[in-house]
N, C-alpha and C. Protein backbone atom coordinates (compact mmCIF):
# COMPACT_ATOMS: atom_id res chain seq x y z
N MET A 1 153.58 62.72 218.78
CA MET A 1 153.51 63.09 219.77
C MET A 1 152.63 62.61 220.93
N GLY A 2 152.57 62.56 222.10
CA GLY A 2 152.03 61.90 222.96
C GLY A 2 150.94 63.09 223.67
N TYR A 3 150.00 62.29 224.57
CA TYR A 3 149.13 63.13 225.14
C TYR A 3 149.69 63.76 226.50
N ILE A 4 149.46 65.07 226.56
CA ILE A 4 150.01 65.50 228.11
C ILE A 4 148.81 65.73 228.88
N LYS A 5 148.78 65.24 230.00
CA LYS A 5 147.82 65.41 231.02
C LYS A 5 148.08 66.77 231.77
N GLU A 6 146.83 67.55 231.81
CA GLU A 6 146.69 68.72 232.56
C GLU A 6 146.97 68.69 233.91
N PRO A 7 147.92 69.39 234.56
CA PRO A 7 147.83 69.25 236.04
C PRO A 7 146.45 69.86 236.60
N VAL A 8 145.99 69.44 237.80
CA VAL A 8 144.73 70.11 238.67
C VAL A 8 144.95 71.51 238.66
N GLY A 9 144.07 72.19 238.35
CA GLY A 9 144.02 73.55 238.25
C GLY A 9 144.69 74.41 237.14
N ILE A 10 145.42 73.90 236.25
CA ILE A 10 145.97 74.46 235.07
C ILE A 10 145.46 73.92 233.71
N ASP A 11 145.35 74.79 233.14
CA ASP A 11 144.61 75.02 231.74
C ASP A 11 145.71 75.47 230.66
N PHE A 12 145.80 74.22 229.82
CA PHE A 12 146.74 74.58 228.77
C PHE A 12 146.02 75.06 227.49
N THR A 13 146.40 76.09 227.00
CA THR A 13 145.77 76.57 225.67
C THR A 13 146.91 76.97 224.80
N VAL A 14 146.54 76.79 223.40
CA VAL A 14 147.22 77.26 222.63
C VAL A 14 146.70 77.88 221.37
N ASP A 15 147.14 79.22 221.48
CA ASP A 15 146.64 80.28 220.21
C ASP A 15 147.64 80.74 219.33
N PRO A 16 146.89 80.52 218.31
CA PRO A 16 148.08 80.89 217.11
C PRO A 16 148.36 82.25 217.12
N THR A 17 149.83 82.48 216.57
CA THR A 17 150.35 83.93 216.71
C THR A 17 149.84 84.68 215.22
N PRO A 18 149.02 85.59 215.28
CA PRO A 18 148.63 86.02 214.08
C PRO A 18 149.94 86.90 213.30
N LEU A 19 150.23 86.58 211.93
CA LEU A 19 151.40 87.15 211.20
C LEU A 19 151.16 88.52 210.84
N THR A 20 152.34 89.01 210.64
CA THR A 20 151.93 90.68 210.27
C THR A 20 151.98 90.52 208.78
N THR A 21 151.88 91.58 207.94
CA THR A 21 151.90 91.49 206.50
C THR A 21 153.46 91.64 206.11
N GLU A 22 154.32 91.87 206.79
CA GLU A 22 155.95 91.97 206.58
C GLU A 22 156.33 90.63 206.83
N ASP A 23 155.82 89.77 207.73
CA ASP A 23 156.18 88.50 207.90
C ASP A 23 155.81 87.61 206.84
N ARG A 24 154.61 87.70 206.35
CA ARG A 24 154.21 87.00 205.41
C ARG A 24 154.82 87.18 204.18
N LYS A 25 155.07 88.25 203.87
CA LYS A 25 156.09 88.52 202.48
C LYS A 25 157.38 87.99 202.85
N LYS A 26 157.86 88.12 204.11
CA LYS A 26 159.20 87.49 204.27
C LYS A 26 159.34 85.66 203.80
N ILE A 27 158.32 85.27 204.59
CA ILE A 27 158.18 84.02 204.51
C ILE A 27 157.90 83.39 202.64
N SER A 28 156.99 84.44 202.25
CA SER A 28 156.67 84.02 200.99
C SER A 28 157.93 83.86 199.79
N GLU A 29 159.08 85.05 200.31
CA GLU A 29 160.23 85.37 199.90
C GLU A 29 161.14 84.09 199.86
N VAL A 30 161.30 83.48 201.10
CA VAL A 30 161.97 82.54 201.48
C VAL A 30 161.56 81.15 200.77
N ILE A 31 160.20 81.00 200.50
CA ILE A 31 159.86 79.55 200.06
C ILE A 31 160.04 79.76 198.42
N ALA A 32 160.00 81.12 197.97
CA ALA A 32 160.24 81.22 196.61
C ALA A 32 161.52 80.82 196.04
N TYR A 33 162.20 81.49 197.19
CA TYR A 33 163.79 81.49 196.93
C TYR A 33 164.25 79.78 197.09
N TYR A 34 163.65 78.96 197.64
CA TYR A 34 164.08 77.56 198.32
C TYR A 34 163.27 76.89 196.95
N LYS A 35 162.47 76.99 196.39
CA LYS A 35 161.78 76.43 195.17
C LYS A 35 162.59 76.63 193.94
N ALA A 36 163.13 77.90 193.97
CA ALA A 36 164.05 78.27 192.90
C ALA A 36 165.36 77.57 192.70
N THR A 37 165.85 77.93 193.77
CA THR A 37 167.39 77.11 194.05
C THR A 37 167.57 75.80 194.65
N GLY A 38 166.44 75.38 195.42
CA GLY A 38 166.78 74.26 196.42
C GLY A 38 167.74 74.47 197.65
N ARG A 39 168.05 75.58 197.65
CA ARG A 39 168.95 75.78 199.05
C ARG A 39 168.37 76.95 199.99
N LYS A 40 168.63 77.04 200.97
CA LYS A 40 168.16 77.71 202.10
C LYS A 40 168.52 79.33 201.96
N MET A 41 167.52 80.33 201.97
CA MET A 41 167.96 81.50 201.89
C MET A 41 168.83 82.13 203.02
N PRO A 42 169.97 82.61 202.92
CA PRO A 42 170.45 83.66 203.87
C PRO A 42 169.96 84.57 204.51
N LEU A 43 169.50 84.35 206.03
CA LEU A 43 168.71 85.26 206.51
C LEU A 43 169.75 86.06 207.28
N THR A 44 169.16 87.36 207.44
CA THR A 44 170.20 88.40 208.32
C THR A 44 169.15 88.21 209.65
N LYS A 45 169.99 88.70 210.72
CA LYS A 45 169.49 88.62 212.17
C LYS A 45 168.65 90.02 212.45
N PRO A 46 167.81 89.80 212.99
CA PRO A 46 167.06 91.44 213.30
C PRO A 46 167.72 92.38 214.13
N ALA A 47 168.03 93.74 213.78
CA ALA A 47 168.86 94.50 214.24
C ALA A 47 168.36 95.06 215.86
N THR A 48 167.07 94.71 216.03
CA THR A 48 166.25 95.25 217.13
C THR A 48 166.97 94.47 218.46
N ARG A 49 167.53 93.58 218.50
CA ARG A 49 167.83 92.88 219.58
C ARG A 49 169.34 93.23 220.26
N THR A 50 169.24 93.89 221.28
CA THR A 50 170.63 94.45 221.72
C THR A 50 171.27 93.76 222.78
N ARG A 51 172.39 93.51 222.89
CA ARG A 51 173.11 92.69 223.94
C ARG A 51 173.44 93.65 225.18
N LEU A 52 173.08 93.52 226.55
CA LEU A 52 173.45 94.17 227.40
C LEU A 52 174.90 93.85 228.03
N THR A 53 175.82 95.05 228.18
CA THR A 53 177.02 94.70 228.36
C THR A 53 177.06 94.83 229.94
N THR A 54 178.37 94.72 230.46
CA THR A 54 178.52 94.96 231.98
C THR A 54 178.17 96.29 232.74
N LYS A 55 178.42 97.25 232.04
CA LYS A 55 178.49 98.53 232.27
C LYS A 55 176.81 98.66 232.57
N SER A 56 175.89 98.53 231.55
CA SER A 56 174.56 98.91 231.36
C SER A 56 173.94 97.87 232.48
N LYS A 57 174.29 96.58 232.86
CA LYS A 57 173.71 95.81 233.74
C LYS A 57 173.68 96.45 235.02
N ASN A 58 174.92 97.20 235.49
CA ASN A 58 175.19 97.64 236.47
C ASN A 58 174.24 99.13 236.89
N THR A 59 173.99 100.00 235.77
CA THR A 59 173.08 101.03 235.77
C THR A 59 171.64 100.74 235.94
N ILE A 60 171.26 99.56 235.56
CA ILE A 60 169.66 99.35 235.80
C ILE A 60 169.75 98.94 237.21
N THR A 61 168.61 99.54 237.75
CA THR A 61 168.19 99.09 239.30
C THR A 61 166.62 99.20 239.28
């Protein structure tokens, strides 16, 4: 990685994002599965994200 120079008046800060206990458990499960099988664990996508339809885009103002 190279050095990134901060522009005048801009401060770059990097803060770690704290993990929830649920996230820690899931990460541990994935690592244990990989160590046991040597393959990536098939993950399901979270159901919280929804896609906006054309109809709902027009109603949001």
